[in-house]
């Protein structure tokens, strides 16, 4: 499964990058996030338990987060839950009229036989929904500061 969600935000790239990297603040402006708990914390690498909602359905997973300030990317590798092994990267591109923000998800399903069933459920119903909510609410939060 490969999926990209993107939006243009009218805020400086550096401000958006810092907001994406600072998971502790996410629940304060992303209403679909229930909590973020740090299991390990350092300046460039964290292990976090993340919990959100897909509508009324609660979901949670554990990720390794790597903050690459040189490339200005935020990486996640899901290490527990249904999406174990999924790679996620946030990328930022300064445009003439704003900053394009992309969240790219890549997941190889552990069972090839179940992939045709799992992809629309996990990909479209959960990942796409949560990523769109994240980008929309982050955009609103940063543009209204």
C-alpha atoms as a PDB file:
ATOM      1  CA  UNK A   1       0.000   0.000   0.000  1.00  0.00           C
ATOM      2  CA  UNK A   2       1.303   3.413  -0.957  1.00  0.00           C
ATOM      3  CA  UNK A   3      -0.698   6.497  -0.116  1.00  0.00           C
ATOM      4  CA  UNK A   4       0.028  10.213  -0.204  1.00  0.00           C
ATOM      5  CA  UNK A   5      -2.047  12.959   1.389  1.00  0.00           C
ATOM      6  CA  UNK A   6      -1.088  16.565   0.677  1.00  0.00           C
ATOM      7  CA  UNK A   7      -2.250  20.093   1.431  1.00  0.00           C
ATOM      8  CA  UNK A   8      -0.905  23.621   0.967  1.00  0.00           C
ATOM      9  CA  UNK A   9      -0.524  25.594   4.176  1.00  0.00           C
ATOM     10  CA  UNK A  10      -0.020  29.327   4.280  1.00  0.00           C
ATOM     11  CA  UNK A  11       2.675  29.307   6.939  1.00  0.00           C
ATOM     12  CA  UNK A  12       6.488  29.170   6.800  1.00  0.00           C
ATOM     13  CA  UNK A  13       7.977  25.736   6.161  1.00  0.00           C
ATOM     14  CA  UNK A  14      10.033  25.863   9.361  1.00  0.00           C
ATOM     15  CA  UNK A  15       6.933  26.586  11.489  1.00  0.00           C
ATOM     16  CA  UNK A  16       5.044  23.659   9.906  1.00  0.00           C
ATOM     17  CA  UNK A  17       8.030  21.326  10.284  1.00  0.00           C
ATOM     18  CA  UNK A  18       8.330  22.161  13.993  1.00  0.00           C
ATOM     19  CA  UNK A  19       4.597  21.601  14.532  1.00  0.00           C
ATOM     20  CA  UNK A  20       4.801  18.219  12.780  1.00  0.00           C
ATOM     21  CA  UNK A  21       7.853  17.203  14.825  1.00  0.00           C
ATOM     22  CA  UNK A  22       6.439  18.290  18.219  1.00  0.00           C
ATOM     23  CA  UNK A  23       4.090  15.396  18.939  1.00  0.00           C
ATOM     24  CA  UNK A  24       3.459  16.504  22.525  1.00  0.00           C
ATOM     25  CA  UNK A  25       1.419  19.434  21.177  1.00  0.00           C
ATOM     26  CA  UNK A  26      -0.669  17.483  18.663  1.00  0.00           C
ATOM     27  CA  UNK A  27      -3.646  16.695  20.936  1.00  0.00           C
ATOM     28  CA  UNK A  28      -3.997  20.418  21.744  1.00  0.00           C
ATOM     29  CA  UNK A  29      -4.886  21.313  18.132  1.00  0.00           C
ATOM     30  CA  UNK A  30      -5.729  17.961  16.484  1.00  0.00           C
ATOM     31  CA  UNK A  31      -9.135  17.043  17.967  1.00  0.00           C
ATOM     32  CA  UNK A  32      -9.086  13.508  16.536  1.00  0.00           C
ATOM     33  CA  UNK A  33      -5.924  12.676  18.518  1.00  0.00           C
ATOM     34  CA  UNK A  34      -6.746  11.252  21.944  1.00  0.00           C
ATOM     35  CA  UNK A  35      -3.189  11.291  23.281  1.00  0.00           C
ATOM     36  CA  UNK A  36       0.521  10.948  22.523  1.00  0.00           C
ATOM     37  CA  UNK A  37       2.634   9.187  25.153  1.00  0.00           C
ATOM     38  CA  UNK A  38       6.407   9.189  24.980  1.00  0.00           C
ATOM     39  CA  UNK A  39       7.918   5.805  25.831  1.00  0.00           C
ATOM     40  CA  UNK A  40      11.432   7.050  24.945  1.00  0.00           C
ATOM     41  CA  UNK A  41      12.370  10.657  24.234  1.00  0.00           C
ATOM     42  CA  UNK A  42      15.429  12.368  22.769  1.00  0.00           C
ATOM     43  CA  UNK A  43      15.986  15.389  20.485  1.00  0.00           C
ATOM     44  CA  UNK A  44      16.047  13.414  17.232  1.00  0.00           C
ATOM     45  CA  UNK A  45      14.393  10.058  17.989  1.00  0.00           C
ATOM     46  CA  UNK A  46      11.360   9.061  20.037  1.00  0.00           C
ATOM     47  CA  UNK A  47       9.238   6.014  20.692  1.00  0.00           C
ATOM     48  CA  UNK A  48       5.621   7.081  21.096  1.00  0.00           C
ATOM     49  CA  UNK A  49       2.240   5.539  21.646  1.00  0.00           C
ATOM     50  CA  UNK A  50      -0.196   7.463  19.485  1.00  0.00           C
ATOM     51  CA  UNK A  51      -3.961   7.270  19.842  1.00  0.00           C
ATOM     52  CA  UNK A  52      -6.542   8.848  17.566  1.00  0.00           C
ATOM     53  CA  UNK A  53     -10.145   8.399  16.484  1.00  0.00           C
ATOM     54  CA  UNK A  54     -11.557   7.486  13.118  1.00  0.00           C
ATOM     55  CA  UNK A  55     -14.957   9.034  13.724  1.00  0.00           C
ATOM     56  CA  UNK A  56     -16.025   7.270  16.914  1.00  0.00           C
ATOM     57  CA  UNK A  57     -13.647   4.314  16.485  1.00  0.00           C
ATOM     58  CA  UNK A  58     -10.556   4.540  18.725  1.00  0.00           C
ATOM     59  CA  UNK A  59      -7.240   3.432  17.214  1.00  0.00           C
ATOM     60  CA  UNK A  60      -3.742   3.304  18.735  1.00  0.00           C
ATOM     61  CA  UNK A  61      -0.266   2.309  17.607  1.00  0.00           C
ATOM     62  CA  UNK A  62       3.354   2.569  18.697  1.00  0.00           C
ATOM     63  CA  UNK A  63       5.844   4.337  16.427  1.00  0.00           C
ATOM     64  CA  UNK A  64       9.468   5.243  16.282  1.00  0.00           C
ATOM     65  CA  UNK A  65       9.729   8.895  15.290  1.00  0.00           C
ATOM     66  CA  UNK A  66      12.915  10.238  13.696  1.00  0.00           C
ATOM     67  CA  UNK A  67      13.258  13.996  13.222  1.00  0.00           C
ATOM     68  CA  UNK A  68      15.678  14.740  10.379  1.00  0.00           C
ATOM     69  CA  UNK A  69      16.396  18.452  10.703  1.00  0.00           C
ATOM     70  CA  UNK A  70      18.997  18.398   7.923  1.00  0.00           C
ATOM     71  CA  UNK A  71      16.585  17.019   5.308  1.00  0.00           C
ATOM     72  CA  UNK A  72      13.643  18.632   7.102  1.00  0.00           C
ATOM     73  CA  UNK A  73      11.618  15.424   7.225  1.00  0.00           C
ATOM     74  CA  UNK A  74       9.754  13.672  10.020  1.00  0.00           C
ATOM     75  CA  UNK A  75       9.783   9.870   9.789  1.00  0.00           C
ATOM     76  CA  UNK A  76       7.676   7.297  11.589  1.00  0.00           C
ATOM     77  CA  UNK A  77       7.977   3.526  11.610  1.00  0.00           C
ATOM     78  CA  UNK A  78       5.019   1.735  13.172  1.00  0.00           C
ATOM     79  CA  UNK A  79       6.426  -0.923  15.489  1.00  0.00           C
ATOM     80  CA  UNK A  80       3.225  -2.300  17.070  1.00  0.00           C
ATOM     81  CA  UNK A  81      -0.436  -2.801  16.083  1.00  0.00           C
ATOM     82  CA  UNK A  82      -2.154  -3.642  12.783  1.00  0.00           C
ATOM     83  CA  UNK A  83       0.128  -1.323  10.851  1.00  0.00           C
ATOM     84  CA  UNK A  84       3.388  -2.790  12.181  1.00  0.00           C
ATOM     85  CA  UNK A  85       6.154  -2.115   9.661  1.00  0.00           C
ATOM     86  CA  UNK A  86       4.462   0.878   8.033  1.00  0.00           C
ATOM     87  CA  UNK A  87       6.802   3.726   7.069  1.00  0.00           C
ATOM     88  CA  UNK A  88       5.449   7.254   7.181  1.00  0.00           C
ATOM     89  CA  UNK A  89       7.261  10.414   6.135  1.00  0.00           C
ATOM     90  CA  UNK A  90       6.248  14.048   6.360  1.00  0.00           C
ATOM     91  CA  UNK A  91       7.781  16.156   3.565  1.00  0.00           C
ATOM     92  CA  UNK A  92       7.660  19.912   3.090  1.00  0.00           C
ATOM     93  CA  UNK A  93       8.135  22.019  -0.027  1.00  0.00           C
ATOM     94  CA  UNK A  94       8.159  25.805  -0.062  1.00  0.00           C
ATOM     95  CA  UNK A  95       6.026  27.185  -2.893  1.00  0.00           C
ATOM     96  CA  UNK A  96       5.571  30.752  -4.105  1.00  0.00           C
ATOM     97  CA  UNK A  97       2.244  30.932  -2.252  1.00  0.00           C
ATOM     98  CA  UNK A  98       2.712  28.668   0.748  1.00  0.00           C
ATOM     99  CA  UNK A  99       4.136  25.317   1.797  1.00  0.00           C
ATOM    100  CA  UNK A 100       3.063  21.967   0.405  1.00  0.00           C
ATOM    101  CA  UNK A 101       2.899  19.366   3.169  1.00  0.00           C
ATOM    102  CA  UNK A 102       2.800  15.683   2.266  1.00  0.00           C
ATOM    103  CA  UNK A 103       2.246  12.669   4.477  1.00  0.00           C
ATOM    104  CA  UNK A 104       3.358   9.524   2.654  1.00  0.00           C
ATOM    105  CA  UNK A 105       2.442   6.067   3.967  1.00  0.00           C
ATOM    106  CA  UNK A 106       4.022   2.814   2.746  1.00  0.00           C
ATOM    107  CA  UNK A 107       2.951  -0.561   4.096  1.00  0.00           C
ATOM    108  CA  UNK A 108       3.694  -4.076   2.899  1.00  0.00           C
ATOM    109  CA  UNK A 109       0.988  -6.306   4.287  1.00  0.00           C
ATOM    110  CA  UNK A 110       2.301  -9.307   6.167  1.00  0.00           C
ATOM    111  CA  UNK A 111      -0.267 -11.554   4.479  1.00  0.00           C
ATOM    112  CA  UNK A 112      -0.351 -11.157   0.695  1.00  0.00           C
ATOM    113  CA  UNK A 113      -3.637 -13.087   0.591  1.00  0.00           C
ATOM    114  CA  UNK A 114      -5.384 -10.599   2.887  1.00  0.00           C
ATOM    115  CA  UNK A 115      -3.867  -7.486   1.266  1.00  0.00           C
ATOM    116  CA  UNK A 116      -6.760  -6.913  -1.200  1.00  0.00           C
ATOM    117  CA  UNK A 117      -9.179  -6.880   1.744  1.00  0.00           C
ATOM    118  CA  UNK A 118      -6.935  -5.086   4.258  1.00  0.00           C
ATOM    119  CA  UNK A 119      -5.789  -2.276   1.963  1.00  0.00           C
ATOM    120  CA  UNK A 120      -9.172  -0.562   1.500  1.00  0.00           C
ATOM    121  CA  UNK A 121     -10.030  -0.955   5.184  1.00  0.00           C
ATOM    122  CA  UNK A 122      -6.698   0.088   6.692  1.00  0.00           C
ATOM    123  CA  UNK A 123      -5.680   2.444   3.889  1.00  0.00           C
ATOM    124  CA  UNK A 124      -8.833   4.268   2.922  1.00  0.00           C
ATOM    125  CA  UNK A 125     -11.020   3.992   6.003  1.00  0.00           C
ATOM    126  CA  UNK A 126      -8.359   4.661   8.630  1.00  0.00           C
ATOM    127  CA  UNK A 127      -5.051   6.016   7.298  1.00  0.00           C
ATOM    128  CA  UNK A 128      -6.523   8.322   4.650  1.00  0.00           C
ATOM    129  CA  UNK A 129      -9.162   9.665   7.042  1.00  0.00           C
ATOM    130  CA  UNK A 130      -6.740  10.316   9.917  1.00  0.00           C
ATOM    131  CA  UNK A 131      -4.088  11.869   7.623  1.00  0.00           C
ATOM    132  CA  UNK A 132      -6.660  14.212   6.039  1.00  0.00           C
ATOM    133  CA  UNK A 133      -7.913  15.246   9.478  1.00  0.00           C
ATOM    134  CA  UNK A 134      -4.349  15.830  10.665  1.00  0.00           C
ATOM    135  CA  UNK A 135      -3.440  18.023   7.689  1.00  0.00           C
ATOM    136  CA  UNK A 136      -6.717  19.981   7.772  1.00  0.00           C
ATOM    137  CA  UNK A 137      -6.549  20.735  11.505  1.00  0.00           C
ATOM    138  CA  UNK A 138      -2.823  21.524  11.427  1.00  0.00           C
ATOM    139  CA  UNK A 139      -3.432  23.937   8.550  1.00  0.00           C
ATOM    140  CA  UNK A 140      -6.229  25.660  10.455  1.00  0.00           C
ATOM    141  CA  UNK A 141      -4.148  25.868  13.636  1.00  0.00           C
ATOM    142  CA  UNK A 142      -1.040  27.288  11.956  1.00  0.00           C
ATOM    143  CA  UNK A 143      -2.822  29.709   9.633  1.00  0.00           C
ATOM    144  CA  UNK A 144      -4.893  31.154  12.491  1.00  0.00           C
ATOM    145  CA  UNK A 145      -1.948  31.796  14.845  1.00  0.00           C
END
